Amino acid sequence: MAKRIVVIGLGNFGASLAARLHQLRHEVVAVDTDPELVDAMGSKVAQAFVGDATRKGVLEEAGAREADMAVISTGDNLAASILALLALKDLKVRSIFVKVGSEEHARIAESLGAEEVIFPERESALGLASRITGSALLQYVSLGPNLSIQEMAVPEAWQGKTIRQLELPQKYQAQVVAIHDILRDEMTAVPSADRTLTSSDTLLLAGSPTVLERLARMA
């Protein structure tokens, strides 16, 4: 079921998260104070706003009051993160996730009602998008009883490895047929076996439905 999700802060983590949520067909509202970052996200989300998300009025104008959830990703700006959290709480947003940079930041956010704190070094933006919306797959196409194609996030265990190192044909009887770099919005068909996978990639995999179901559980 599609959700209305507000993403505050469009650095690498926030931008990747917003784009992935949009691809999962959720209604994403992206907010940042930097016009260039907002412009870059304009075609990748439902709505993109330039504004100070620490102000309740700005968030209300962006439609946050009707949001199902929000993710605060304001970098190392502790004050902005906490003020945005308080503004979202005032607007009765039900689920608020906060990217934090320290244990102190995490404790403050949790004490003020954040549903969950996110340490970016422990969880990728794409993994978070799939987890909080309950969607591991972006797309799935059946080409018959023995062949399907699915697009999925790169599992954490695969990040930093090359396609060759994963040995997918040998271990799973599956093949990477394309890679989509979410941040750059670039699709590479038949990628090199020496292509290193990152947290901002999604994979287009071909294989049997049974094999692809197993791989989807890893994302």
N, C-alpha and C. Protein backbone atom coordinates (compact mmCIF):
# COMPACT_ATOMS: atom_id res chain seq x y z
N MET A 1 0.85 -1.20 0.00
CA MET A 1 0.00 0.00 0.00
C MET A 1 0.88 1.24 0.00
N ALA A 2 0.59 2.17 -0.91
CA ALA A 2 1.41 3.37 -1.03
C ALA A 2 1.27 4.25 0.20
N LYS A 3 2.36 4.84 0.64
CA LYS A 3 2.39 5.72 1.79
C LYS A 3 2.85 7.11 1.37
N ARG A 4 2.46 8.10 2.16
CA ARG A 4 2.97 9.46 1.98
C ARG A 4 4.12 9.62 2.95
N ILE A 5 5.32 9.89 2.42
CA ILE A 5 6.53 9.90 3.24
C ILE A 5 7.28 11.21 3.01
N VAL A 6 7.61 11.88 4.10
CA VAL A 6 8.39 13.12 4.04
C VAL A 6 9.85 12.78 4.32
N VAL A 7 10.74 13.21 3.46
CA VAL A 7 12.18 13.04 3.67
C VAL A 7 12.79 14.42 3.82
N ILE A 8 13.39 14.66 4.98
CA ILE A 8 13.99 15.95 5.29
C ILE A 8 15.51 15.83 5.24
N GLY A 9 16.13 16.62 4.37
CA GLY A 9 17.59 16.55 4.19
C GLY A 9 17.94 15.72 2.98
N LEU A 10 18.56 16.34 1.98
CA LEU A 10 18.83 15.66 0.71
C LEU A 10 20.32 15.52 0.42
N GLY A 11 21.08 15.17 1.46
CA GLY A 11 22.46 14.75 1.23
C GLY A 11 22.45 13.40 0.55
N ASN A 12 23.59 12.72 0.51
CA ASN A 12 23.67 11.43 -0.18
C ASN A 12 22.66 10.43 0.37
N PHE A 13 22.58 10.33 1.70
CA PHE A 13 21.67 9.36 2.32
C PHE A 13 20.22 9.73 2.03
N GLY A 14 19.84 10.97 2.32
CA GLY A 14 18.47 11.39 2.13
C GLY A 14 18.02 11.33 0.67
N ALA A 15 18.89 11.74 -0.24
CA ALA A 15 18.55 11.72 -1.67
C ALA A 15 18.36 10.29 -2.16
N SER A 16 19.26 9.41 -1.76
CA SER A 16 19.15 8.01 -2.16
C SER A 16 17.88 7.38 -1.60
N LEU A 17 17.58 7.68 -0.35
CA LEU A 17 16.38 7.16 0.29
C LEU A 17 15.12 7.66 -0.42
N ALA A 18 15.06 8.97 -0.68
CA ALA A 18 13.88 9.55 -1.32
C ALA A 18 13.64 8.94 -2.70
N ALA A 19 14.71 8.80 -3.48
CA ALA A 19 14.58 8.24 -4.83
C ALA A 19 14.11 6.79 -4.77
N ARG A 20 14.64 6.03 -3.83
CA ARG A 20 14.24 4.63 -3.71
C ARG A 20 12.79 4.50 -3.28
N LEU A 21 12.36 5.31 -2.33
CA LEU A 21 10.96 5.27 -1.89
C LEU A 21 10.02 5.62 -3.04
N HIS A 22 10.43 6.59 -3.86
CA HIS A 22 9.63 6.97 -5.02
C HIS A 22 9.53 5.81 -6.00
N GLN A 23 10.64 5.10 -6.20
CA GLN A 23 10.61 3.96 -7.11
C GLN A 23 9.76 2.82 -6.57
N LEU A 24 9.62 2.78 -5.26
CA LEU A 24 8.74 1.79 -4.64
C LEU A 24 7.28 2.24 -4.69
N ARG A 25 7.04 3.35 -5.41
CA ARG A 25 5.71 3.87 -5.69
C ARG A 25 5.01 4.48 -4.47
N HIS A 26 5.81 5.04 -3.57
CA HIS A 26 5.25 5.81 -2.47
C HIS A 26 5.24 7.29 -2.86
N GLU A 27 4.37 8.06 -2.21
CA GLU A 27 4.30 9.50 -2.48
C GLU A 27 5.33 10.18 -1.58
N VAL A 28 6.42 10.62 -2.18
CA VAL A 28 7.54 11.17 -1.42
C VAL A 28 7.57 12.69 -1.54
N VAL A 29 7.66 13.34 -0.38
CA VAL A 29 7.83 14.78 -0.32
C VAL A 29 9.23 15.05 0.24
N ALA A 30 10.09 15.66 -0.56
CA ALA A 30 11.47 15.91 -0.17
C ALA A 30 11.64 17.38 0.21
N VAL A 31 12.33 17.65 1.32
CA VAL A 31 12.50 19.01 1.81
C VAL A 31 13.96 19.26 2.16
N ASP A 32 14.49 20.39 1.70
CA ASP A 32 15.85 20.79 2.03
C ASP A 32 15.96 22.30 1.88
N THR A 33 16.94 22.88 2.56
CA THR A 33 17.16 24.33 2.46
C THR A 33 17.98 24.70 1.24
N ASP A 34 18.61 23.72 0.59
CA ASP A 34 19.49 23.98 -0.54
C ASP A 34 18.71 23.85 -1.85
N PRO A 35 18.51 24.96 -2.59
CA PRO A 35 17.73 24.90 -3.84
C PRO A 35 18.32 23.93 -4.87
N GLU A 36 19.64 23.83 -4.93
CA GLU A 36 20.26 22.94 -5.92
C GLU A 36 19.93 21.49 -5.63
N LEU A 37 19.97 21.10 -4.36
CA LEU A 37 19.64 19.72 -4.00
C LEU A 37 18.18 19.43 -4.27
N VAL A 38 17.32 20.40 -3.99
CA VAL A 38 15.89 20.23 -4.25
C VAL A 38 15.63 20.11 -5.74
N ASP A 39 16.27 20.95 -6.54
CA ASP A 39 16.11 20.89 -8.00
C ASP A 39 16.54 19.53 -8.54
N ALA A 40 17.62 19.00 -7.99
CA ALA A 40 18.13 17.70 -8.45
C ALA A 40 17.15 16.57 -8.16
N MET A 41 16.32 16.73 -7.13
CA MET A 41 15.37 15.69 -6.76
C MET A 41 14.00 15.89 -7.40
N GLY A 42 13.80 17.02 -8.06
CA GLY A 42 12.47 17.36 -8.56
C GLY A 42 11.81 16.30 -9.40
N SER A 43 12.57 15.64 -10.27
CA SER A 43 11.99 14.63 -11.16
C SER A 43 11.98 13.24 -10.54
N LYS A 44 12.52 13.11 -9.33
CA LYS A 44 12.67 11.78 -8.73
C LYS A 44 11.71 11.52 -7.58
N VAL A 45 10.91 12.53 -7.21
CA VAL A 45 9.94 12.39 -6.13
C VAL A 45 8.63 13.06 -6.54
N ALA A 46 7.58 12.85 -5.74
CA ALA A 46 6.29 13.46 -6.06
C ALA A 46 6.35 14.98 -5.92
N GLN A 47 6.98 15.45 -4.82
CA GLN A 47 7.10 16.89 -4.57
C GLN A 47 8.44 17.18 -3.91
N ALA A 48 9.04 18.31 -4.27
CA ALA A 48 10.31 18.72 -3.66
C ALA A 48 10.18 20.19 -3.25
N PHE A 49 10.48 20.47 -1.98
CA PHE A 49 10.30 21.81 -1.43
C PHE A 49 11.61 22.38 -0.94
N VAL A 50 11.83 23.67 -1.22
CA VAL A 50 12.92 24.41 -0.60
C VAL A 50 12.36 25.06 0.65
N GLY A 51 12.93 24.73 1.79
CA GLY A 51 12.41 25.32 3.02
C GLY A 51 13.12 24.81 4.25
N ASP A 52 12.89 25.50 5.34
CA ASP A 52 13.49 25.16 6.63
C ASP A 52 12.56 24.21 7.36
N ALA A 53 12.93 22.93 7.41
CA ALA A 53 12.06 21.91 7.99
C ALA A 53 12.03 21.95 9.51
N THR A 54 12.76 22.88 10.12
CA THR A 54 12.64 23.04 11.57
C THR A 54 11.39 23.86 11.91
N ARG A 55 10.76 24.44 10.89
CA ARG A 55 9.58 25.28 11.10
C ARG A 55 8.32 24.51 10.77
N LYS A 56 7.43 24.45 11.74
CA LYS A 56 6.18 23.71 11.59
C LYS A 56 5.39 24.19 10.38
N GLY A 57 5.36 25.50 10.15
CA GLY A 57 4.59 26.04 9.04
C GLY A 57 5.09 25.56 7.69
N VAL A 58 6.41 25.44 7.55
CA VAL A 58 6.99 24.96 6.29
C VAL A 58 6.58 23.51 6.05
N LEU A 59 6.67 22.71 7.08
CA LEU A 59 6.31 21.29 6.95
C LEU A 59 4.82 21.13 6.67
N GLU A 60 4.01 21.97 7.29
CA GLU A 60 2.57 21.88 7.05
C GLU A 60 2.26 22.27 5.60
N GLU A 61 2.95 23.27 5.09
CA GLU A 61 2.75 23.67 3.69
C GLU A 61 3.16 22.55 2.75
N ALA A 62 4.17 21.80 3.14
CA ALA A 62 4.64 20.69 2.31
C ALA A 62 3.72 19.46 2.41
N GLY A 63 2.73 19.51 3.31
CA GLY A 63 1.80 18.41 3.42
C GLY A 63 2.19 17.36 4.44
N ALA A 64 3.05 17.73 5.39
CA ALA A 64 3.52 16.75 6.37
C ALA A 64 2.42 16.29 7.31
N ARG A 65 1.41 17.11 7.52
CA ARG A 65 0.34 16.72 8.44
C ARG A 65 -0.37 15.45 7.96
N GLU A 66 -0.41 15.24 6.65
CA GLU A 66 -1.08 14.07 6.10
C GLU A 66 -0.12 12.90 5.88
N ALA A 67 1.13 13.04 6.31
CA ALA A 67 2.13 12.00 6.05
C ALA A 67 1.94 10.78 6.95
N ASP A 68 2.25 9.62 6.39
CA ASP A 68 2.23 8.38 7.18
C ASP A 68 3.51 8.24 7.99
N MET A 69 4.61 8.74 7.44
CA MET A 69 5.89 8.66 8.13
C MET A 69 6.83 9.73 7.61
N ALA A 70 7.91 9.94 8.34
CA ALA A 70 8.92 10.93 7.93
C ALA A 70 10.29 10.40 8.30
N VAL A 71 11.28 10.80 7.53
CA VAL A 71 12.67 10.46 7.80
C VAL A 71 13.46 11.75 7.84
N ILE A 72 14.17 11.98 8.94
CA ILE A 72 14.99 13.18 9.10
C ILE A 72 16.43 12.81 8.82
N SER A 73 17.03 13.44 7.81
CA SER A 73 18.40 13.13 7.42
C SER A 73 19.15 14.44 7.20
N THR A 74 19.40 15.16 8.29
CA THR A 74 19.97 16.51 8.18
C THR A 74 21.47 16.54 8.49
N GLY A 75 22.17 15.46 8.25
CA GLY A 75 23.61 15.45 8.43
C GLY A 75 23.99 15.58 9.90
N ASP A 76 25.02 16.36 10.15
CA ASP A 76 25.54 16.52 11.51
C ASP A 76 24.89 17.67 12.27
N ASN A 77 23.87 18.27 11.70
CA ASN A 77 23.22 19.41 12.34
C ASN A 77 22.23 18.90 13.39
N LEU A 78 22.72 18.73 14.60
CA LEU A 78 21.91 18.17 15.68
C LEU A 78 20.70 19.04 15.97
N ALA A 79 20.91 20.35 16.05
CA ALA A 79 19.81 21.25 16.37
C ALA A 79 18.70 21.16 15.33
N ALA A 80 19.06 21.17 14.04
CA ALA A 80 18.07 21.10 12.97
C ALA A 80 17.31 19.77 13.03
N SER A 81 18.04 18.70 13.32
CA SER A 81 17.41 17.39 13.41
C SER A 81 16.36 17.34 14.52
N ILE A 82 16.72 17.84 15.68
CA ILE A 82 15.81 17.80 16.83
C ILE A 82 14.62 18.73 16.62
N LEU A 83 14.85 19.93 16.08
CA LEU A 83 13.75 20.87 15.84
C LEU A 83 12.79 20.33 14.78
N ALA A 84 13.32 19.66 13.78
CA ALA A 84 12.46 19.04 12.76
C ALA A 84 11.63 17.92 13.38
N LEU A 85 12.25 17.15 14.26
CA LEU A 85 11.52 16.08 14.95
C LEU A 85 10.36 16.65 15.77
N LEU A 86 10.62 17.73 16.52
CA LEU A 86 9.57 18.34 17.32
C LEU A 86 8.45 18.90 16.44
N ALA A 87 8.82 19.50 15.31
CA ALA A 87 7.80 20.03 14.40
C ALA A 87 6.93 18.92 13.84
N LEU A 88 7.54 17.80 13.48
CA LEU A 88 6.78 16.66 12.95
C LEU A 88 5.87 16.07 14.02
N LYS A 89 6.36 16.02 15.26
CA LYS A 89 5.52 15.52 16.34
C LYS A 89 4.30 16.43 16.54
N ASP A 90 4.51 17.74 16.43
CA ASP A 90 3.40 18.69 16.56
C ASP A 90 2.35 18.47 15.47
N LEU A 91 2.81 18.02 14.30
CA LEU A 91 1.90 17.78 13.18
C LEU A 91 1.29 16.38 13.22
N LYS A 92 1.60 15.63 14.27
CA LYS A 92 1.01 14.30 14.50
C LYS A 92 1.42 13.26 13.46
N VAL A 93 2.64 13.41 12.92
CA VAL A 93 3.15 12.37 12.00
C VAL A 93 3.38 11.11 12.82
N ARG A 94 2.85 10.00 12.34
CA ARG A 94 2.79 8.80 13.16
C ARG A 94 4.14 8.13 13.38
N SER A 95 4.94 8.01 12.33
CA SER A 95 6.22 7.31 12.44
C SER A 95 7.33 8.24 11.96
N ILE A 96 8.32 8.47 12.83
CA ILE A 96 9.42 9.37 12.49
C ILE A 96 10.74 8.64 12.71
N PHE A 97 11.54 8.56 11.65
CA PHE A 97 12.85 7.93 11.69
C PHE A 97 13.89 9.03 11.61
N VAL A 98 14.92 8.94 12.43
CA VAL A 98 15.93 10.00 12.49
C VAL A 98 17.32 9.43 12.25
N LYS A 99 18.00 9.93 11.21
CA LYS A 99 19.41 9.56 10.99
C LYS A 99 20.25 10.29 12.00
N VAL A 100 21.08 9.55 12.71
CA VAL A 100 21.87 10.15 13.79
C VAL A 100 23.36 9.93 13.54
N GLY A 101 24.16 10.80 14.17
CA GLY A 101 25.60 10.70 13.99
C GLY A 101 26.35 10.33 15.25
N SER A 102 25.63 10.16 16.36
CA SER A 102 26.28 9.84 17.62
C SER A 102 25.28 9.19 18.56
N GLU A 103 25.80 8.56 19.60
CA GLU A 103 24.93 7.96 20.60
C GLU A 103 24.12 9.03 21.34
N GLU A 104 24.75 10.20 21.56
CA GLU A 104 24.04 11.30 22.22
C GLU A 104 22.86 11.75 21.38
N HIS A 105 23.09 11.92 20.09
CA HIS A 105 22.02 12.30 19.17
C HIS A 105 20.90 11.27 19.22
N ALA A 106 21.27 9.99 19.24
CA ALA A 106 20.28 8.91 19.28
C ALA A 106 19.43 8.98 20.55
N ARG A 107 20.07 9.20 21.68
CA ARG A 107 19.34 9.25 22.96
C ARG A 107 18.35 10.41 22.98
N ILE A 108 18.79 11.57 22.48
CA ILE A 108 17.90 12.73 22.46
C ILE A 108 16.70 12.47 21.55
N ALA A 109 16.96 11.95 20.35
CA ALA A 109 15.88 11.69 19.40
C ALA A 109 14.88 10.68 19.96
N GLU A 110 15.38 9.63 20.56
CA GLU A 110 14.50 8.62 21.14
C GLU A 110 13.67 9.19 22.28
N SER A 111 14.30 10.02 23.11
CA SER A 111 13.57 10.60 24.25
C SER A 111 12.48 11.55 23.81
N LEU A 112 12.63 12.10 22.59
CA LEU A 112 11.63 13.05 22.08
C LEU A 112 10.58 12.38 21.20
N GLY A 113 10.65 11.05 21.10
CA GLY A 113 9.57 10.34 20.42
C GLY A 113 9.87 9.78 19.05
N ALA A 114 11.14 9.77 18.62
CA ALA A 114 11.45 9.13 17.34
C ALA A 114 11.12 7.64 17.42
N GLU A 115 10.50 7.13 16.38
CA GLU A 115 10.19 5.70 16.37
C GLU A 115 11.46 4.86 16.31
N GLU A 116 12.42 5.36 15.55
CA GLU A 116 13.67 4.62 15.41
C GLU A 116 14.78 5.57 14.99
N VAL A 117 15.99 5.33 15.48
CA VAL A 117 17.15 6.10 15.04
C VAL A 117 17.96 5.24 14.09
N ILE A 118 18.57 5.90 13.11
CA ILE A 118 19.31 5.20 12.06
C ILE A 118 20.76 5.65 12.07
N PHE A 119 21.66 4.72 12.24
CA PHE A 119 23.09 5.00 12.10
C PHE A 119 23.47 4.64 10.66
N PRO A 120 23.82 5.63 9.81
CA PRO A 120 24.06 5.34 8.40
C PRO A 120 25.20 4.38 8.14
N GLU A 121 26.15 4.30 9.07
CA GLU A 121 27.24 3.33 8.86
C GLU A 121 26.77 1.90 9.10
N ARG A 122 25.58 1.74 9.67
CA ARG A 122 25.05 0.40 9.95
C ARG A 122 23.97 -0.03 8.97
N GLU A 123 23.35 0.93 8.30
CA GLU A 123 22.26 0.60 7.39
C GLU A 123 22.27 1.54 6.20
N SER A 124 22.15 0.98 5.00
CA SER A 124 22.13 1.81 3.81
C SER A 124 20.76 2.46 3.63
N ALA A 125 20.73 3.51 2.84
CA ALA A 125 19.47 4.19 2.56
C ALA A 125 18.50 3.26 1.83
N LEU A 126 19.01 2.48 0.89
CA LEU A 126 18.13 1.58 0.14
C LEU A 126 17.58 0.48 1.03
N GLY A 127 18.43 -0.03 1.93
CA GLY A 127 17.95 -1.04 2.87
C GLY A 127 16.87 -0.48 3.78
N LEU A 128 17.05 0.75 4.23
CA LEU A 128 16.05 1.39 5.09
C LEU A 128 14.74 1.57 4.35
N ALA A 129 14.80 2.01 3.10
CA ALA A 129 13.58 2.22 2.31
C ALA A 129 12.77 0.93 2.20
N SER A 130 13.46 -0.17 1.94
CA SER A 130 12.76 -1.44 1.82
C SER A 130 12.19 -1.88 3.16
N ARG A 131 12.94 -1.67 4.23
CA ARG A 131 12.52 -2.16 5.55
C ARG A 131 11.33 -1.39 6.09
N ILE A 132 11.35 -0.06 6.03
CA ILE A 132 10.28 0.70 6.66
C ILE A 132 8.98 0.66 5.86
N THR A 133 9.06 0.27 4.58
CA THR A 133 7.85 0.17 3.77
C THR A 133 7.45 -1.27 3.51
N GLY A 134 8.29 -2.21 3.97
CA GLY A 134 7.97 -3.62 3.80
C GLY A 134 8.09 -4.10 2.37
N SER A 135 8.96 -3.45 1.57
CA SER A 135 9.09 -3.81 0.16
C SER A 135 10.54 -4.10 -0.18
N ALA A 136 10.86 -5.35 -0.47
CA ALA A 136 12.22 -5.70 -0.82
C ALA A 136 12.49 -5.53 -2.32
N LEU A 137 11.43 -5.61 -3.12
CA LEU A 137 11.59 -5.58 -4.57
C LEU A 137 11.06 -4.28 -5.16
N LEU A 138 11.73 -3.82 -6.21
CA LEU A 138 11.24 -2.68 -6.96
C LEU A 138 10.29 -3.14 -8.06
N GLN A 139 10.70 -4.13 -8.84
CA GLN A 139 9.89 -4.63 -9.94
C GLN A 139 10.10 -6.13 -10.05
N TYR A 140 9.07 -6.81 -10.58
CA TYR A 140 9.17 -8.25 -10.80
C TYR A 140 8.41 -8.58 -12.07
N VAL A 141 9.05 -9.27 -13.00
CA VAL A 141 8.42 -9.63 -14.26
C VAL A 141 8.62 -11.12 -14.50
N SER A 142 7.51 -11.84 -14.69
CA SER A 142 7.58 -13.27 -15.00
C SER A 142 7.64 -13.45 -16.51
N LEU A 143 8.61 -14.23 -16.97
CA LEU A 143 8.75 -14.51 -18.40
C LEU A 143 8.42 -15.96 -18.71
N GLY A 144 7.82 -16.66 -17.75
CA GLY A 144 7.48 -18.06 -17.92
C GLY A 144 7.70 -18.81 -16.63
N PRO A 145 7.42 -20.11 -16.62
CA PRO A 145 7.53 -20.89 -15.38
C PRO A 145 8.95 -21.02 -14.84
N ASN A 146 9.94 -20.85 -15.71
CA ASN A 146 11.33 -21.08 -15.28
C ASN A 146 12.23 -19.85 -15.38
N LEU A 147 11.66 -18.71 -15.75
CA LEU A 147 12.50 -17.52 -15.89
C LEU A 147 11.73 -16.27 -15.49
N SER A 148 12.33 -15.49 -14.60
CA SER A 148 11.76 -14.21 -14.18
C SER A 148 12.89 -13.20 -14.06
N ILE A 149 12.51 -11.93 -14.03
CA ILE A 149 13.47 -10.84 -13.83
C ILE A 149 12.95 -9.98 -12.68
N GLN A 150 13.82 -9.64 -11.76
CA GLN A 150 13.42 -8.78 -10.66
C GLN A 150 14.49 -7.71 -10.42
N GLU A 151 14.03 -6.56 -9.94
CA GLU A 151 14.94 -5.50 -9.53
C GLU A 151 14.92 -5.43 -8.01
N MET A 152 16.07 -5.43 -7.39
CA MET A 152 16.14 -5.45 -5.94
C MET A 152 17.34 -4.64 -5.46
N ALA A 153 17.28 -4.25 -4.19
CA ALA A 153 18.40 -3.53 -3.59
C ALA A 153 19.60 -4.46 -3.45
N VAL A 154 20.78 -3.87 -3.38
CA VAL A 154 21.99 -4.64 -3.16
C VAL A 154 22.05 -5.04 -1.68
N PRO A 155 22.03 -6.33 -1.37
CA PRO A 155 22.14 -6.74 0.04
C PRO A 155 23.41 -6.18 0.67
N GLU A 156 23.35 -5.91 1.95
CA GLU A 156 24.50 -5.31 2.63
C GLU A 156 25.76 -6.15 2.47
N ALA A 157 25.59 -7.48 2.49
CA ALA A 157 26.75 -8.38 2.39
C ALA A 157 27.41 -8.31 1.02
N TRP A 158 26.69 -7.81 0.00
CA TRP A 158 27.24 -7.73 -1.34
C TRP A 158 27.90 -6.38 -1.62
N GLN A 159 27.63 -5.38 -0.80
CA GLN A 159 28.15 -4.05 -1.05
C GLN A 159 29.67 -4.02 -0.91
N GLY A 160 30.33 -3.38 -1.87
CA GLY A 160 31.79 -3.33 -1.87
C GLY A 160 32.43 -4.49 -2.61
N LYS A 161 31.62 -5.41 -3.11
CA LYS A 161 32.14 -6.55 -3.85
C LYS A 161 31.83 -6.39 -5.34
N THR A 162 32.61 -7.07 -6.16
CA THR A 162 32.34 -7.05 -7.59
C THR A 162 31.35 -8.16 -7.94
N ILE A 163 30.75 -8.04 -9.12
CA ILE A 163 29.84 -9.09 -9.59
C ILE A 163 30.59 -10.42 -9.71
N ARG A 164 31.83 -10.34 -10.15
CA ARG A 164 32.63 -11.56 -10.29
C ARG A 164 32.81 -12.26 -8.93
N GLN A 165 33.08 -11.48 -7.89
CA GLN A 165 33.30 -12.06 -6.57
C GLN A 165 32.05 -12.74 -6.02
N LEU A 166 30.88 -12.27 -6.40
CA LEU A 166 29.65 -12.85 -5.88
C LEU A 166 29.37 -14.24 -6.45
N GLU A 167 29.87 -14.50 -7.65
CA GLU A 167 29.69 -15.82 -8.28
C GLU A 167 28.22 -16.24 -8.31
N LEU A 168 27.35 -15.32 -8.73
CA LEU A 168 25.92 -15.61 -8.71
C LEU A 168 25.52 -16.77 -9.64
N PRO A 169 26.06 -16.87 -10.85
CA PRO A 169 25.68 -18.02 -11.69
C PRO A 169 26.07 -19.35 -11.06
N GLN A 170 27.25 -19.39 -10.44
CA GLN A 170 27.70 -20.64 -9.85
C GLN A 170 26.97 -20.99 -8.57
N LYS A 171 26.72 -19.97 -7.73
CA LYS A 171 26.12 -20.23 -6.41
C LYS A 171 24.60 -20.25 -6.43
N TYR A 172 23.99 -19.43 -7.31
CA TYR A 172 22.54 -19.29 -7.26
C TYR A 172 21.83 -19.54 -8.59
N GLN A 173 22.59 -19.77 -9.66
CA GLN A 173 22.00 -19.88 -10.99
C GLN A 173 21.20 -18.62 -11.34
N ALA A 174 21.79 -17.48 -11.01
CA ALA A 174 21.17 -16.19 -11.33
C ALA A 174 22.22 -15.30 -12.00
N GLN A 175 21.74 -14.31 -12.74
CA GLN A 175 22.65 -13.45 -13.50
C GLN A 175 22.23 -12.00 -13.38
N VAL A 176 23.22 -11.10 -13.16
CA VAL A 176 22.95 -9.67 -13.18
C VAL A 176 22.89 -9.21 -14.64
N VAL A 177 21.74 -8.70 -15.05
CA VAL A 177 21.61 -8.25 -16.43
C VAL A 177 21.69 -6.73 -16.56
N ALA A 178 21.53 -6.01 -15.44
CA ALA A 178 21.66 -4.55 -15.47
C ALA A 178 21.81 -4.04 -14.04
N ILE A 179 22.39 -2.84 -13.92
CA ILE A 179 22.53 -2.17 -12.64
C ILE A 179 21.99 -0.76 -12.78
N HIS A 180 21.16 -0.36 -11.81
CA HIS A 180 20.62 1.00 -11.79
C HIS A 180 21.25 1.76 -10.64
N ASP A 181 22.02 2.80 -10.96
CA ASP A 181 22.59 3.67 -9.94
C ASP A 181 21.52 4.72 -9.60
N ILE A 182 20.92 4.58 -8.40
CA ILE A 182 19.80 5.44 -8.02
C ILE A 182 20.22 6.90 -7.92
N LEU A 183 21.38 7.16 -7.33
CA LEU A 183 21.81 8.54 -7.12
C LEU A 183 22.02 9.27 -8.44
N ARG A 184 22.63 8.60 -9.41
CA ARG A 184 22.90 9.24 -10.71
C ARG A 184 21.77 8.99 -11.71
N ASP A 185 20.84 8.11 -11.34
CA ASP A 185 19.76 7.70 -12.23
C ASP A 185 20.32 7.19 -13.55
N GLU A 186 21.32 6.31 -13.45
CA GLU A 186 21.97 5.73 -14.63
C GLU A 186 21.78 4.22 -14.64
N MET A 187 21.36 3.70 -15.78
CA MET A 187 21.18 2.26 -15.95
C MET A 187 22.31 1.71 -16.81
N THR A 188 22.99 0.67 -16.31
CA THR A 188 24.06 0.02 -17.07
C THR A 188 23.62 -1.38 -17.43
N ALA A 189 23.42 -1.63 -18.71
CA ALA A 189 23.03 -2.96 -19.16
C ALA A 189 24.26 -3.85 -19.32
N VAL A 190 24.11 -5.11 -19.01
CA VAL A 190 25.20 -6.10 -19.09
C VAL A 190 26.46 -5.52 -18.46
N PRO A 191 26.45 -5.25 -17.19
CA PRO A 191 27.61 -4.61 -16.53
C PRO A 191 28.83 -5.53 -16.51
N SER A 192 29.98 -4.91 -16.42
CA SER A 192 31.23 -5.65 -16.32
C SER A 192 31.24 -6.50 -15.06
N ALA A 193 31.86 -7.66 -15.15
CA ALA A 193 31.99 -8.54 -13.98
C ALA A 193 32.84 -7.90 -12.90
N ASP A 194 33.62 -6.89 -13.26
CA ASP A 194 34.47 -6.21 -12.29
C ASP A 194 33.82 -4.96 -11.70
N ARG A 195 32.55 -4.74 -12.01
CA ARG A 195 31.80 -3.60 -11.44
C ARG A 195 31.59 -3.83 -9.95
N THR A 196 32.01 -2.86 -9.12
CA THR A 196 31.83 -2.95 -7.68
C THR A 196 30.45 -2.42 -7.31
N LEU A 197 29.73 -3.15 -6.50
CA LEU A 197 28.38 -2.79 -6.11
C LEU A 197 28.39 -1.86 -4.90
N THR A 198 27.46 -0.91 -4.89
CA THR A 198 27.37 0.06 -3.80
C THR A 198 25.95 0.07 -3.23
N SER A 199 25.78 0.79 -2.12
CA SER A 199 24.48 0.85 -1.47
C SER A 199 23.47 1.66 -2.27
N SER A 200 23.94 2.45 -3.24
CA SER A 200 23.02 3.24 -4.05
C SER A 200 22.61 2.54 -5.35
N ASP A 201 23.03 1.28 -5.51
CA ASP A 201 22.68 0.50 -6.70
C ASP A 201 21.44 -0.35 -6.45
N THR A 202 20.71 -0.63 -7.52
CA THR A 202 19.77 -1.73 -7.51
C THR A 202 20.16 -2.66 -8.65
N LEU A 203 19.84 -3.93 -8.49
CA LEU A 203 20.24 -4.95 -9.46
C LEU A 203 19.04 -5.48 -10.21
N LEU A 204 19.19 -5.67 -11.51
CA LEU A 204 18.20 -6.37 -12.30
C LEU A 204 18.74 -7.77 -12.49
N LEU A 205 18.06 -8.74 -11.87
CA LEU A 205 18.54 -10.12 -11.85
C LEU A 205 17.61 -11.01 -12.66
N ALA A 206 18.21 -11.97 -13.37
CA ALA A 206 17.44 -12.96 -14.10
C ALA A 206 17.70 -14.33 -13.50
N GLY A 207 16.65 -15.13 -13.38
CA GLY A 207 16.78 -16.47 -12.83
C GLY A 207 15.42 -17.10 -12.66
N SER A 208 15.36 -18.27 -12.09
CA SER A 208 14.08 -18.94 -11.86
C SER A 208 13.35 -18.24 -10.72
N PRO A 209 12.02 -18.32 -10.70
CA PRO A 209 11.26 -17.68 -9.61
C PRO A 209 11.71 -18.14 -8.23
N THR A 210 12.04 -19.40 -8.08
CA THR A 210 12.48 -19.92 -6.78
C THR A 210 13.78 -19.29 -6.34
N VAL A 211 14.73 -19.18 -7.27
CA VAL A 211 16.03 -18.59 -6.96
C VAL A 211 15.88 -17.11 -6.63
N LEU A 212 15.08 -16.40 -7.42
CA LEU A 212 14.91 -14.97 -7.19
C LEU A 212 14.20 -14.70 -5.86
N GLU A 213 13.30 -15.58 -5.48
CA GLU A 213 12.65 -15.41 -4.18
C GLU A 213 13.66 -15.54 -3.05
N ARG A 214 14.58 -16.48 -3.18
CA ARG A 214 15.63 -16.64 -2.17
C ARG A 214 16.50 -15.38 -2.09
N LEU A 215 16.88 -14.84 -3.24
CA LEU A 215 17.73 -13.66 -3.27
C LEU A 215 17.00 -12.44 -2.72
N ALA A 216 15.69 -12.32 -2.97
CA ALA A 216 14.93 -11.18 -2.47
C ALA A 216 14.93 -11.12 -0.95
N ARG A 217 14.97 -12.27 -0.32
CA ARG A 217 14.98 -12.31 1.14
C ARG A 217 16.28 -11.79 1.72
N MET A 218 17.33 -11.68 0.89
CA MET A 218 18.61 -11.18 1.35
C MET A 218 18.68 -9.65 1.32
N ALA A 219 17.76 -9.02 0.57
CA ALA A 219 17.80 -7.56 0.37
C ALA A 219 17.29 -6.83 1.60
